[in-house]
Amino acid sequence: MAFTLPDLPYAHDALAAGGMSRETLEYHHDLHHKAYVDKGNELIAGTPFEGAGNDRLEEVIKGTYGAEAHQGLFNQVSQHWNHIQFWAMMGPNPSGMPSELESKIAGAFGSVDEFKKQFIAAGMGQFGSGWCWLVLDGGALKITKTPNGVNPICFGQTALLGCDVWEHSYYIDYRNKRPAYLENFLSKLVNWENVTERLRAVGGV
């Protein structure tokens, strides 16, 4: 087995109306994501994880995080997992936030608007490349940020929503305007049904 690049769950131009262009997805998915897959397959050879495929990504992430000898492999595999989640967390013509999720978010952050404010602040506060996340941690909803390819799996958390704040995720469409990208992501791109399903899968709603 080997890591493979899954197809996008929608056409390359499906998110254009929501503010993420076909060109961005062609570069981000077809080139950047594929590069993580290819390099991961190269670096895994000769390691205890050799032969792992997409179905063992979480196992490899947990086994390589913090291991100096496998730092390069961790970077590629973690980013591969992050991007698989990222594509699924967005969708064309997304519906509004389901009431059960809205209730949980309002209970955790005071209001949906406050949640969005804190999520954007986390994305802006991540210096350089990285991600901002909505996670379930010990039964509580939290907003976190991680550098480079580090993700919630590394801390025993469940990723419910993640936004890629590496420049290649937004520079074509937003240039250096990360706040505008984050605001648009929350208002026009997030598949809130997917977020709700993730929370439901771990008994959060």
N, C-alpha and C. Protein backbone atom coordinates (compact mmCIF):
# COMPACT_ATOMS: atom_id res chain seq x y z
N MET A 1 0.83 -1.20 0.00
CA MET A 1 0.00 0.00 0.00
C MET A 1 0.87 1.25 0.00
N ALA A 2 0.27 2.35 -0.36
CA ALA A 2 0.96 3.64 -0.35
C ALA A 2 -0.07 4.73 -0.11
N PHE A 3 0.41 5.89 0.30
CA PHE A 3 -0.48 7.03 0.43
C PHE A 3 -0.94 7.44 -0.97
N THR A 4 -2.18 7.84 -1.08
CA THR A 4 -2.73 8.27 -2.36
C THR A 4 -3.45 9.59 -2.19
N LEU A 5 -3.52 10.34 -3.27
CA LEU A 5 -4.20 11.63 -3.26
C LEU A 5 -5.66 11.42 -3.62
N PRO A 6 -6.58 11.61 -2.68
CA PRO A 6 -8.00 11.47 -3.00
C PRO A 6 -8.45 12.60 -3.92
N ASP A 7 -9.44 12.31 -4.74
CA ASP A 7 -10.05 13.37 -5.54
C ASP A 7 -10.73 14.36 -4.61
N LEU A 8 -10.85 15.59 -5.07
CA LEU A 8 -11.67 16.55 -4.34
C LEU A 8 -13.11 16.04 -4.28
N PRO A 9 -13.83 16.36 -3.22
CA PRO A 9 -15.23 15.91 -3.13
C PRO A 9 -16.18 16.78 -3.95
N TYR A 10 -15.64 17.65 -4.79
CA TYR A 10 -16.43 18.52 -5.65
C TYR A 10 -15.52 18.94 -6.80
N ALA A 11 -16.09 19.57 -7.80
CA ALA A 11 -15.31 20.03 -8.95
C ALA A 11 -14.36 21.16 -8.54
N HIS A 12 -13.31 21.35 -9.32
CA HIS A 12 -12.32 22.38 -9.00
C HIS A 12 -12.92 23.79 -8.98
N ASP A 13 -13.98 24.01 -9.72
CA ASP A 13 -14.58 25.34 -9.75
C ASP A 13 -15.82 25.45 -8.85
N ALA A 14 -16.07 24.41 -8.05
CA ALA A 14 -17.31 24.38 -7.26
C ALA A 14 -17.34 25.41 -6.14
N LEU A 15 -16.18 25.85 -5.68
CA LEU A 15 -16.13 26.80 -4.56
C LEU A 15 -15.92 28.24 -5.03
N ALA A 16 -15.85 28.44 -6.34
CA ALA A 16 -15.54 29.76 -6.86
C ALA A 16 -16.55 30.81 -6.42
N ALA A 17 -17.82 30.45 -6.44
CA ALA A 17 -18.86 31.41 -6.02
C ALA A 17 -18.72 31.78 -4.55
N GLY A 18 -18.11 30.88 -3.77
CA GLY A 18 -17.90 31.13 -2.35
C GLY A 18 -16.59 31.79 -2.03
N GLY A 19 -15.78 32.09 -3.06
CA GLY A 19 -14.55 32.83 -2.82
C GLY A 19 -13.27 32.04 -2.85
N MET A 20 -13.31 30.78 -3.34
CA MET A 20 -12.08 30.01 -3.51
C MET A 20 -12.04 29.55 -4.96
N SER A 21 -11.13 30.09 -5.72
CA SER A 21 -11.12 29.93 -7.17
C SER A 21 -10.66 28.56 -7.63
N ARG A 22 -10.99 28.26 -8.87
CA ARG A 22 -10.50 27.04 -9.52
C ARG A 22 -8.97 27.01 -9.51
N GLU A 23 -8.35 28.14 -9.79
CA GLU A 23 -6.89 28.19 -9.82
C GLU A 23 -6.30 27.82 -8.46
N THR A 24 -6.91 28.33 -7.39
CA THR A 24 -6.42 27.98 -6.05
C THR A 24 -6.50 26.48 -5.81
N LEU A 25 -7.63 25.87 -6.16
CA LEU A 25 -7.77 24.44 -5.92
C LEU A 25 -6.85 23.63 -6.82
N GLU A 26 -6.60 24.09 -8.02
CA GLU A 26 -5.66 23.38 -8.90
C GLU A 26 -4.26 23.40 -8.32
N TYR A 27 -3.84 24.54 -7.79
CA TYR A 27 -2.53 24.62 -7.17
C TYR A 27 -2.49 23.91 -5.82
N HIS A 28 -3.50 24.17 -5.00
CA HIS A 28 -3.48 23.69 -3.62
C HIS A 28 -3.67 22.18 -3.55
N HIS A 29 -4.68 21.65 -4.23
CA HIS A 29 -4.93 20.22 -4.19
C HIS A 29 -4.01 19.45 -5.14
N ASP A 30 -4.00 19.84 -6.39
CA ASP A 30 -3.31 19.05 -7.41
C ASP A 30 -1.79 19.11 -7.30
N LEU A 31 -1.25 20.21 -6.77
CA LEU A 31 0.19 20.35 -6.67
C LEU A 31 0.69 20.25 -5.22
N HIS A 32 0.21 21.13 -4.34
CA HIS A 32 0.70 21.12 -2.96
C HIS A 32 0.33 19.84 -2.22
N HIS A 33 -0.94 19.48 -2.25
CA HIS A 33 -1.34 18.26 -1.54
C HIS A 33 -0.65 17.04 -2.14
N LYS A 34 -0.59 16.96 -3.45
CA LYS A 34 0.08 15.83 -4.10
C LYS A 34 1.55 15.74 -3.68
N ALA A 35 2.19 16.90 -3.49
CA ALA A 35 3.60 16.89 -3.09
C ALA A 35 3.78 16.26 -1.71
N TYR A 36 2.83 16.50 -0.79
CA TYR A 36 2.90 15.86 0.53
C TYR A 36 2.77 14.34 0.39
N VAL A 37 1.88 13.91 -0.47
CA VAL A 37 1.67 12.48 -0.69
C VAL A 37 2.93 11.84 -1.27
N ASP A 38 3.48 12.45 -2.29
CA ASP A 38 4.66 11.89 -2.95
C ASP A 38 5.86 11.85 -2.01
N LYS A 39 6.08 12.93 -1.28
CA LYS A 39 7.23 12.97 -0.37
C LYS A 39 7.01 12.02 0.80
N GLY A 40 5.77 11.91 1.27
CA GLY A 40 5.48 10.96 2.34
C GLY A 40 5.79 9.53 1.93
N ASN A 41 5.43 9.17 0.72
CA ASN A 41 5.72 7.82 0.23
C ASN A 41 7.23 7.59 0.09
N GLU A 42 7.94 8.65 -0.23
CA GLU A 42 9.41 8.53 -0.33
C GLU A 42 10.04 8.34 1.04
N LEU A 43 9.61 9.14 2.02
CA LEU A 43 10.26 9.13 3.33
C LEU A 43 9.86 7.95 4.20
N ILE A 44 8.73 7.31 3.90
CA ILE A 44 8.27 6.22 4.76
C ILE A 44 9.04 4.92 4.49
N ALA A 45 9.71 4.86 3.35
CA ALA A 45 10.47 3.65 3.00
C ALA A 45 11.57 3.40 4.04
N GLY A 46 11.64 2.17 4.53
CA GLY A 46 12.66 1.79 5.49
C GLY A 46 12.34 2.14 6.92
N THR A 47 11.16 2.70 7.18
CA THR A 47 10.74 3.02 8.55
C THR A 47 9.81 1.93 9.06
N PRO A 48 9.52 1.92 10.36
CA PRO A 48 8.56 0.94 10.90
C PRO A 48 7.17 1.09 10.32
N PHE A 49 6.90 2.20 9.64
CA PHE A 49 5.57 2.47 9.10
C PHE A 49 5.46 2.15 7.61
N GLU A 50 6.52 1.60 7.05
CA GLU A 50 6.52 1.30 5.61
C GLU A 50 5.32 0.42 5.26
N GLY A 51 4.67 0.75 4.17
CA GLY A 51 3.49 0.01 3.74
C GLY A 51 2.18 0.62 4.17
N ALA A 52 2.25 1.66 5.01
CA ALA A 52 1.02 2.31 5.47
C ALA A 52 0.36 3.07 4.33
N GLY A 53 -0.96 3.07 4.33
CA GLY A 53 -1.72 3.82 3.35
C GLY A 53 -2.59 4.85 4.04
N ASN A 54 -3.53 5.39 3.30
CA ASN A 54 -4.40 6.43 3.86
C ASN A 54 -5.18 5.96 5.08
N ASP A 55 -5.45 4.65 5.16
CA ASP A 55 -6.23 4.14 6.28
C ASP A 55 -5.43 4.11 7.58
N ARG A 56 -4.12 4.34 7.51
CA ARG A 56 -3.28 4.31 8.71
C ARG A 56 -2.65 5.68 9.01
N LEU A 57 -3.19 6.72 8.42
CA LEU A 57 -2.59 8.05 8.59
C LEU A 57 -2.50 8.46 10.06
N GLU A 58 -3.58 8.25 10.81
CA GLU A 58 -3.56 8.68 12.22
C GLU A 58 -2.51 7.91 13.01
N GLU A 59 -2.36 6.63 12.71
CA GLU A 59 -1.34 5.82 13.39
C GLU A 59 0.06 6.37 13.11
N VAL A 60 0.33 6.73 11.87
CA VAL A 60 1.65 7.25 11.51
C VAL A 60 1.88 8.63 12.13
N ILE A 61 0.85 9.46 12.14
CA ILE A 61 0.98 10.78 12.77
C ILE A 61 1.34 10.63 14.24
N LYS A 62 0.62 9.78 14.96
CA LYS A 62 0.89 9.59 16.38
C LYS A 62 2.27 9.00 16.62
N GLY A 63 2.71 8.13 15.72
CA GLY A 63 3.99 7.46 15.89
C GLY A 63 5.19 8.29 15.52
N THR A 64 4.97 9.37 14.76
CA THR A 64 6.10 10.19 14.31
C THR A 64 6.16 11.56 14.97
N TYR A 65 5.06 12.01 15.56
CA TYR A 65 5.05 13.34 16.18
C TYR A 65 6.05 13.39 17.33
N GLY A 66 6.92 14.36 17.28
CA GLY A 66 7.92 14.54 18.33
C GLY A 66 9.12 13.63 18.22
N ALA A 67 9.14 12.75 17.21
CA ALA A 67 10.27 11.83 17.01
C ALA A 67 11.24 12.48 16.02
N GLU A 68 12.38 12.92 16.52
CA GLU A 68 13.33 13.66 15.68
C GLU A 68 13.72 12.88 14.42
N ALA A 69 13.86 11.56 14.57
CA ALA A 69 14.28 10.75 13.43
C ALA A 69 13.23 10.70 12.32
N HIS A 70 12.00 10.99 12.68
CA HIS A 70 10.91 10.91 11.70
C HIS A 70 10.22 12.25 11.47
N GLN A 71 10.90 13.36 11.79
CA GLN A 71 10.28 14.67 11.67
C GLN A 71 9.83 14.96 10.23
N GLY A 72 10.67 14.60 9.28
CA GLY A 72 10.32 14.84 7.88
C GLY A 72 9.10 14.07 7.46
N LEU A 73 9.02 12.82 7.87
CA LEU A 73 7.86 11.99 7.55
C LEU A 73 6.61 12.55 8.22
N PHE A 74 6.74 12.95 9.47
CA PHE A 74 5.59 13.53 10.17
C PHE A 74 5.05 14.73 9.41
N ASN A 75 5.93 15.62 8.98
CA ASN A 75 5.49 16.82 8.28
C ASN A 75 4.63 16.49 7.08
N GLN A 76 5.05 15.52 6.29
CA GLN A 76 4.33 15.17 5.06
C GLN A 76 3.01 14.46 5.37
N VAL A 77 3.06 13.50 6.28
CA VAL A 77 1.87 12.71 6.57
C VAL A 77 0.82 13.54 7.29
N SER A 78 1.25 14.38 8.21
CA SER A 78 0.31 15.23 8.93
C SER A 78 -0.37 16.20 7.97
N GLN A 79 0.40 16.77 7.06
CA GLN A 79 -0.20 17.68 6.08
C GLN A 79 -1.13 16.94 5.12
N HIS A 80 -0.82 15.72 4.80
CA HIS A 80 -1.71 14.91 3.96
C HIS A 80 -3.05 14.73 4.67
N TRP A 81 -3.02 14.37 5.95
CA TRP A 81 -4.26 14.21 6.72
C TRP A 81 -5.00 15.54 6.84
N ASN A 82 -4.26 16.60 7.16
CA ASN A 82 -4.89 17.91 7.32
C ASN A 82 -5.68 18.31 6.08
N HIS A 83 -5.10 18.08 4.92
CA HIS A 83 -5.75 18.51 3.69
C HIS A 83 -6.95 17.64 3.34
N ILE A 84 -6.89 16.36 3.62
CA ILE A 84 -8.07 15.51 3.41
C ILE A 84 -9.25 16.05 4.21
N GLN A 85 -8.97 16.45 5.46
CA GLN A 85 -10.04 17.01 6.30
C GLN A 85 -10.51 18.35 5.75
N PHE A 86 -9.57 19.19 5.34
CA PHE A 86 -9.87 20.54 4.87
C PHE A 86 -10.83 20.52 3.69
N TRP A 87 -10.57 19.65 2.72
CA TRP A 87 -11.46 19.60 1.55
C TRP A 87 -12.88 19.20 1.97
N ALA A 88 -12.98 18.26 2.89
CA ALA A 88 -14.30 17.79 3.32
C ALA A 88 -15.02 18.81 4.19
N MET A 89 -14.27 19.67 4.85
CA MET A 89 -14.87 20.67 5.73
C MET A 89 -15.46 21.85 4.97
N MET A 90 -15.23 21.88 3.65
CA MET A 90 -15.81 22.92 2.82
C MET A 90 -16.79 22.29 1.84
N GLY A 91 -17.61 23.13 1.23
CA GLY A 91 -18.54 22.61 0.24
C GLY A 91 -19.19 23.72 -0.55
N PRO A 92 -19.65 23.40 -1.76
CA PRO A 92 -20.35 24.40 -2.56
C PRO A 92 -21.75 24.63 -2.01
N ASN A 93 -22.18 25.87 -2.02
CA ASN A 93 -23.51 26.22 -1.53
C ASN A 93 -23.80 25.62 -0.16
N PRO A 94 -22.92 25.84 0.81
CA PRO A 94 -23.13 25.23 2.14
C PRO A 94 -24.38 25.77 2.81
N SER A 95 -25.03 24.91 3.56
CA SER A 95 -26.22 25.34 4.28
C SER A 95 -25.82 26.05 5.57
N GLY A 96 -26.80 26.59 6.26
CA GLY A 96 -26.51 27.23 7.53
C GLY A 96 -26.12 26.23 8.59
N MET A 97 -25.72 26.74 9.72
CA MET A 97 -25.28 25.88 10.82
C MET A 97 -26.48 25.15 11.43
N PRO A 98 -26.43 23.81 11.51
CA PRO A 98 -27.52 23.07 12.14
C PRO A 98 -27.75 23.54 13.57
N SER A 99 -28.99 23.49 14.01
CA SER A 99 -29.34 24.04 15.32
C SER A 99 -28.59 23.34 16.46
N GLU A 100 -28.36 22.03 16.34
CA GLU A 100 -27.67 21.32 17.41
C GLU A 100 -26.22 21.79 17.56
N LEU A 101 -25.57 22.08 16.42
CA LEU A 101 -24.21 22.60 16.47
C LEU A 101 -24.21 24.05 16.97
N GLU A 102 -25.15 24.83 16.48
CA GLU A 102 -25.25 26.23 16.91
C GLU A 102 -25.42 26.31 18.43
N SER A 103 -26.22 25.42 18.98
CA SER A 103 -26.45 25.41 20.42
C SER A 103 -25.16 25.09 21.18
N LYS A 104 -24.41 24.10 20.69
CA LYS A 104 -23.15 23.71 21.35
C LYS A 104 -22.12 24.84 21.28
N ILE A 105 -22.04 25.48 20.12
CA ILE A 105 -21.07 26.56 19.95
C ILE A 105 -21.44 27.76 20.81
N ALA A 106 -22.72 28.11 20.82
CA ALA A 106 -23.15 29.23 21.65
C ALA A 106 -22.91 28.95 23.13
N GLY A 107 -23.11 27.70 23.53
CA GLY A 107 -22.89 27.34 24.92
C GLY A 107 -21.42 27.41 25.31
N ALA A 108 -20.54 27.11 24.34
CA ALA A 108 -19.11 27.09 24.64
C ALA A 108 -18.46 28.47 24.55
N PHE A 109 -18.95 29.29 23.61
CA PHE A 109 -18.27 30.57 23.34
C PHE A 109 -19.12 31.80 23.63
N GLY A 110 -20.38 31.59 24.01
CA GLY A 110 -21.25 32.71 24.30
C GLY A 110 -22.19 33.04 23.17
N SER A 111 -21.71 32.91 21.94
CA SER A 111 -22.52 33.12 20.74
C SER A 111 -21.75 32.63 19.53
N VAL A 112 -22.44 32.43 18.43
CA VAL A 112 -21.78 32.03 17.19
C VAL A 112 -20.85 33.15 16.73
N ASP A 113 -21.28 34.38 16.86
CA ASP A 113 -20.43 35.51 16.45
C ASP A 113 -19.14 35.55 17.25
N GLU A 114 -19.22 35.26 18.54
CA GLU A 114 -18.02 35.25 19.36
C GLU A 114 -17.10 34.09 18.97
N PHE A 115 -17.69 32.95 18.64
CA PHE A 115 -16.90 31.83 18.14
C PHE A 115 -16.13 32.24 16.89
N LYS A 116 -16.82 32.86 15.94
CA LYS A 116 -16.18 33.27 14.69
C LYS A 116 -15.07 34.28 14.96
N LYS A 117 -15.32 35.20 15.88
CA LYS A 117 -14.31 36.20 16.24
C LYS A 117 -13.06 35.53 16.79
N GLN A 118 -13.24 34.54 17.68
CA GLN A 118 -12.09 33.86 18.28
C GLN A 118 -11.39 32.95 17.27
N PHE A 119 -12.14 32.34 16.37
CA PHE A 119 -11.54 31.47 15.35
C PHE A 119 -10.67 32.31 14.42
N ILE A 120 -11.17 33.45 13.99
CA ILE A 120 -10.39 34.34 13.12
C ILE A 120 -9.15 34.84 13.85
N ALA A 121 -9.30 35.17 15.13
CA ALA A 121 -8.16 35.65 15.92
C ALA A 121 -7.09 34.56 16.02
N ALA A 122 -7.51 33.31 16.15
CA ALA A 122 -6.54 32.21 16.20
C ALA A 122 -5.80 32.08 14.88
N GLY A 123 -6.54 32.20 13.78
CA GLY A 123 -5.89 32.12 12.47
C GLY A 123 -4.94 33.28 12.23
N MET A 124 -5.32 34.45 12.68
CA MET A 124 -4.44 35.62 12.55
C MET A 124 -3.25 35.53 13.50
N GLY A 125 -3.46 34.90 14.64
CA GLY A 125 -2.41 34.81 15.64
C GLY A 125 -1.38 33.74 15.36
N GLN A 126 -1.64 32.88 14.38
CA GLN A 126 -0.67 31.86 14.02
C GLN A 126 0.41 32.51 13.14
N PHE A 127 1.55 32.76 13.72
CA PHE A 127 2.63 33.42 12.98
C PHE A 127 3.18 32.45 11.92
N GLY A 128 3.28 32.92 10.71
CA GLY A 128 3.79 32.07 9.64
C GLY A 128 2.78 31.01 9.24
N SER A 129 3.28 29.88 8.82
CA SER A 129 2.41 28.81 8.32
C SER A 129 1.80 28.01 9.45
N GLY A 130 0.59 27.51 9.21
CA GLY A 130 -0.06 26.68 10.21
C GLY A 130 -1.55 26.58 9.98
N TRP A 131 -2.28 26.25 11.03
CA TRP A 131 -3.72 26.00 10.97
C TRP A 131 -4.40 26.57 12.20
N CYS A 132 -5.69 26.88 12.07
CA CYS A 132 -6.51 27.16 13.25
C CYS A 132 -7.65 26.14 13.24
N TRP A 133 -8.10 25.77 14.44
CA TRP A 133 -9.01 24.63 14.57
C TRP A 133 -10.13 24.90 15.58
N LEU A 134 -11.26 24.26 15.33
CA LEU A 134 -12.27 24.03 16.36
C LEU A 134 -12.15 22.57 16.71
N VAL A 135 -11.91 22.27 17.98
CA VAL A 135 -11.69 20.89 18.40
C VAL A 135 -12.60 20.53 19.57
N LEU A 136 -12.76 19.23 19.76
CA LEU A 136 -13.37 18.70 20.97
C LEU A 136 -12.24 18.13 21.80
N ASP A 137 -12.08 18.66 23.00
CA ASP A 137 -10.97 18.27 23.87
C ASP A 137 -11.52 17.96 25.25
N GLY A 138 -11.51 16.68 25.61
CA GLY A 138 -12.03 16.29 26.91
C GLY A 138 -13.49 16.63 27.09
N GLY A 139 -14.24 16.60 26.01
CA GLY A 139 -15.67 16.89 26.06
C GLY A 139 -16.02 18.36 25.89
N ALA A 140 -15.00 19.22 25.79
CA ALA A 140 -15.24 20.66 25.66
C ALA A 140 -14.83 21.16 24.28
N LEU A 141 -15.60 22.09 23.74
CA LEU A 141 -15.23 22.73 22.49
C LEU A 141 -14.17 23.79 22.76
N LYS A 142 -13.11 23.79 21.94
CA LYS A 142 -12.04 24.76 22.10
C LYS A 142 -11.55 25.21 20.73
N ILE A 143 -10.98 26.40 20.69
CA ILE A 143 -10.33 26.90 19.48
C ILE A 143 -8.83 26.86 19.73
N THR A 144 -8.11 26.30 18.78
CA THR A 144 -6.66 26.18 18.91
C THR A 144 -6.00 26.62 17.61
N LYS A 145 -4.69 26.77 17.67
CA LYS A 145 -3.90 27.00 16.46
C LYS A 145 -2.65 26.14 16.56
N THR A 146 -2.13 25.72 15.41
CA THR A 146 -0.96 24.85 15.38
C THR A 146 0.00 25.34 14.30
N PRO A 147 1.31 25.18 14.53
CA PRO A 147 2.29 25.60 13.53
C PRO A 147 2.47 24.54 12.45
N ASN A 148 2.82 24.99 11.28
CA ASN A 148 3.17 24.10 10.18
C ASN A 148 2.11 23.02 9.95
N GLY A 149 2.48 21.73 10.05
CA GLY A 149 1.51 20.67 9.80
C GLY A 149 0.95 20.02 11.05
N VAL A 150 1.33 20.52 12.21
CA VAL A 150 0.83 19.92 13.47
C VAL A 150 -0.68 20.02 13.51
N ASN A 151 -1.32 18.98 14.04
CA ASN A 151 -2.79 18.96 14.05
C ASN A 151 -3.33 18.42 15.38
N PRO A 152 -4.64 18.46 15.59
CA PRO A 152 -5.22 18.04 16.87
C PRO A 152 -4.94 16.59 17.27
N ILE A 153 -4.69 15.71 16.31
CA ILE A 153 -4.38 14.32 16.65
C ILE A 153 -3.19 14.26 17.60
N CYS A 154 -2.24 15.16 17.41
CA CYS A 154 -1.02 15.16 18.23
C CYS A 154 -1.30 15.38 19.71
N PHE A 155 -2.47 15.94 20.02
CA PHE A 155 -2.81 16.28 21.40
C PHE A 155 -4.03 15.52 21.91
N GLY A 156 -4.41 14.48 21.19
CA GLY A 156 -5.55 13.68 21.61
C GLY A 156 -6.88 14.38 21.46
N GLN A 157 -6.94 15.36 20.60
CA GLN A 157 -8.17 16.12 20.36
C GLN A 157 -8.86 15.64 19.08
N THR A 158 -10.14 15.94 18.97
CA THR A 158 -10.90 15.64 17.76
C THR A 158 -11.06 16.91 16.94
N ALA A 159 -10.60 16.88 15.70
CA ALA A 159 -10.73 18.04 14.82
C ALA A 159 -12.15 18.11 14.26
N LEU A 160 -12.81 19.23 14.52
CA LEU A 160 -14.17 19.44 14.00
C LEU A 160 -14.15 20.38 12.80
N LEU A 161 -13.27 21.36 12.84
CA LEU A 161 -13.14 22.33 11.76
C LEU A 161 -11.71 22.84 11.76
N GLY A 162 -11.12 22.91 10.59
CA GLY A 162 -9.77 23.43 10.47
C GLY A 162 -9.64 24.34 9.27
N CYS A 163 -8.84 25.37 9.41
CA CYS A 163 -8.59 26.28 8.29
C CYS A 163 -7.09 26.40 8.06
N ASP A 164 -6.69 26.16 6.85
CA ASP A 164 -5.29 26.22 6.44
C ASP A 164 -4.89 27.68 6.27
N VAL A 165 -3.92 28.15 7.06
CA VAL A 165 -3.48 29.52 6.93
C VAL A 165 -2.07 29.62 6.34
N TRP A 166 -1.61 28.55 5.69
CA TRP A 166 -0.41 28.66 4.86
C TRP A 166 -0.76 29.60 3.71
N GLU A 167 0.19 30.39 3.26
CA GLU A 167 -0.11 31.37 2.21
C GLU A 167 -0.61 30.73 0.92
N HIS A 168 -0.16 29.51 0.62
CA HIS A 168 -0.62 28.91 -0.64
C HIS A 168 -2.12 28.64 -0.63
N SER A 169 -2.74 28.67 0.55
CA SER A 169 -4.17 28.44 0.63
C SER A 169 -4.98 29.64 0.20
N TYR A 170 -4.40 30.83 0.28
CA TYR A 170 -5.21 32.02 0.03
C TYR A 170 -4.56 33.09 -0.84
N TYR A 171 -3.28 32.98 -1.17
CA TYR A 171 -2.60 34.10 -1.80
C TYR A 171 -3.14 34.41 -3.20
N ILE A 172 -3.53 33.40 -3.95
CA ILE A 172 -4.05 33.65 -5.30
C ILE A 172 -5.31 34.51 -5.24
N ASP A 173 -6.20 34.20 -4.30
CA ASP A 173 -7.49 34.88 -4.22
C ASP A 173 -7.47 36.12 -3.32
N TYR A 174 -6.61 36.13 -2.30
CA TYR A 174 -6.67 37.21 -1.30
C TYR A 174 -5.34 37.93 -1.11
N ARG A 175 -4.32 37.53 -1.86
CA ARG A 175 -2.98 38.08 -1.69
C ARG A 175 -2.57 37.93 -0.21
N ASN A 176 -2.22 39.00 0.47
CA ASN A 176 -1.77 38.86 1.86
C ASN A 176 -2.86 39.16 2.87
N LYS A 177 -4.11 39.16 2.43
CA LYS A 177 -5.22 39.54 3.31
C LYS A 177 -5.80 38.32 4.03
N ARG A 178 -5.05 37.81 4.97
CA ARG A 178 -5.49 36.63 5.72
C ARG A 178 -6.81 36.85 6.45
N PRO A 179 -7.06 38.01 7.06
CA PRO A 179 -8.35 38.20 7.73
C PRO A 179 -9.54 38.03 6.79
N ALA A 180 -9.43 38.57 5.58
CA ALA A 180 -10.53 38.46 4.62
C ALA A 180 -10.75 37.00 4.22
N TYR A 181 -9.67 36.27 4.08
CA TYR A 181 -9.75 34.85 3.75
C TYR A 181 -10.47 34.08 4.87
N LEU A 182 -10.09 34.34 6.11
CA LEU A 182 -10.70 33.64 7.24
C LEU A 182 -12.18 33.99 7.39
N GLU A 183 -12.49 35.25 7.22
CA GLU A 183 -13.89 35.67 7.32
C GLU A 183 -14.73 35.03 6.24
N ASN A 184 -14.19 34.97 5.02
CA ASN A 184 -14.92 34.36 3.92
C ASN A 184 -15.07 32.86 4.14
N PHE A 185 -14.03 32.22 4.66
CA PHE A 185 -14.07 30.79 4.94
C PHE A 185 -15.25 30.46 5.85
N LEU A 186 -15.41 31.22 6.91
CA LEU A 186 -16.49 30.95 7.87
C LEU A 186 -17.87 31.30 7.32
N SER A 187 -17.95 32.34 6.52
CA SER A 187 -19.26 32.80 6.07
C SER A 187 -19.75 32.12 4.80
N LYS A 188 -18.81 31.61 3.95
CA LYS A 188 -19.24 31.13 2.63
C LYS A 188 -18.73 29.75 2.23
N LEU A 189 -17.79 29.19 2.97
CA LEU A 189 -17.18 27.94 2.52
C LEU A 189 -17.38 26.74 3.44
N VAL A 190 -17.55 26.97 4.73
CA VAL A 190 -17.61 25.85 5.67
C VAL A 190 -18.86 25.00 5.43
N ASN A 191 -18.65 23.70 5.40
CA ASN A 191 -19.74 22.72 5.34
C ASN A 191 -20.12 22.40 6.78
N TRP A 192 -21.08 23.13 7.33
CA TRP A 192 -21.43 22.98 8.74
C TRP A 192 -22.06 21.63 9.03
N GLU A 193 -22.64 21.01 8.03
CA GLU A 193 -23.17 19.65 8.21
C GLU A 193 -22.02 18.68 8.48
N ASN A 194 -20.91 18.87 7.79
CA ASN A 194 -19.74 18.02 8.02
C ASN A 194 -19.20 18.21 9.43
N VAL A 195 -19.15 19.46 9.89
CA VAL A 195 -18.69 19.74 11.26
C VAL A 195 -19.61 19.06 12.27
N THR A 196 -20.91 19.15 12.02
CA THR A 196 -21.88 18.53 12.93
C THR A 196 -21.73 17.02 12.95
N GLU A 197 -21.50 16.43 11.79
CA GLU A 197 -21.32 14.98 11.72
C GLU A 197 -20.09 14.54 12.50
N ARG A 198 -19.03 15.32 12.45
CA ARG A 198 -17.81 15.00 13.20
C ARG A 198 -18.08 15.05 14.71
N LEU A 199 -18.83 16.04 15.12
CA LEU A 199 -19.17 16.16 16.54
C LEU A 199 -20.09 15.04 16.97
N ARG A 200 -21.05 14.71 16.12
CA ARG A 200 -21.98 13.64 16.43
C ARG A 200 -21.27 12.29 16.53
N ALA A 201 -20.25 12.10 15.69
CA ALA A 201 -19.54 10.81 15.66
C ALA A 201 -18.82 10.50 16.96
N VAL A 202 -18.49 11.54 17.72
CA VAL A 202 -17.81 11.33 19.00
C VAL A 202 -18.73 11.63 20.18
N GLY A 203 -20.03 11.64 19.91
CA GLY A 203 -21.00 11.81 20.99
C GLY A 203 -21.10 13.22 21.52
N GLY A 204 -20.67 14.20 20.71
CA GLY A 204 -20.70 15.57 21.19
C GLY A 204 -22.05 16.24 21.09
N VAL A 205 -22.93 15.67 20.27
CA VAL A 205 -24.31 16.19 20.17
C VAL A 205 -25.27 15.01 20.11
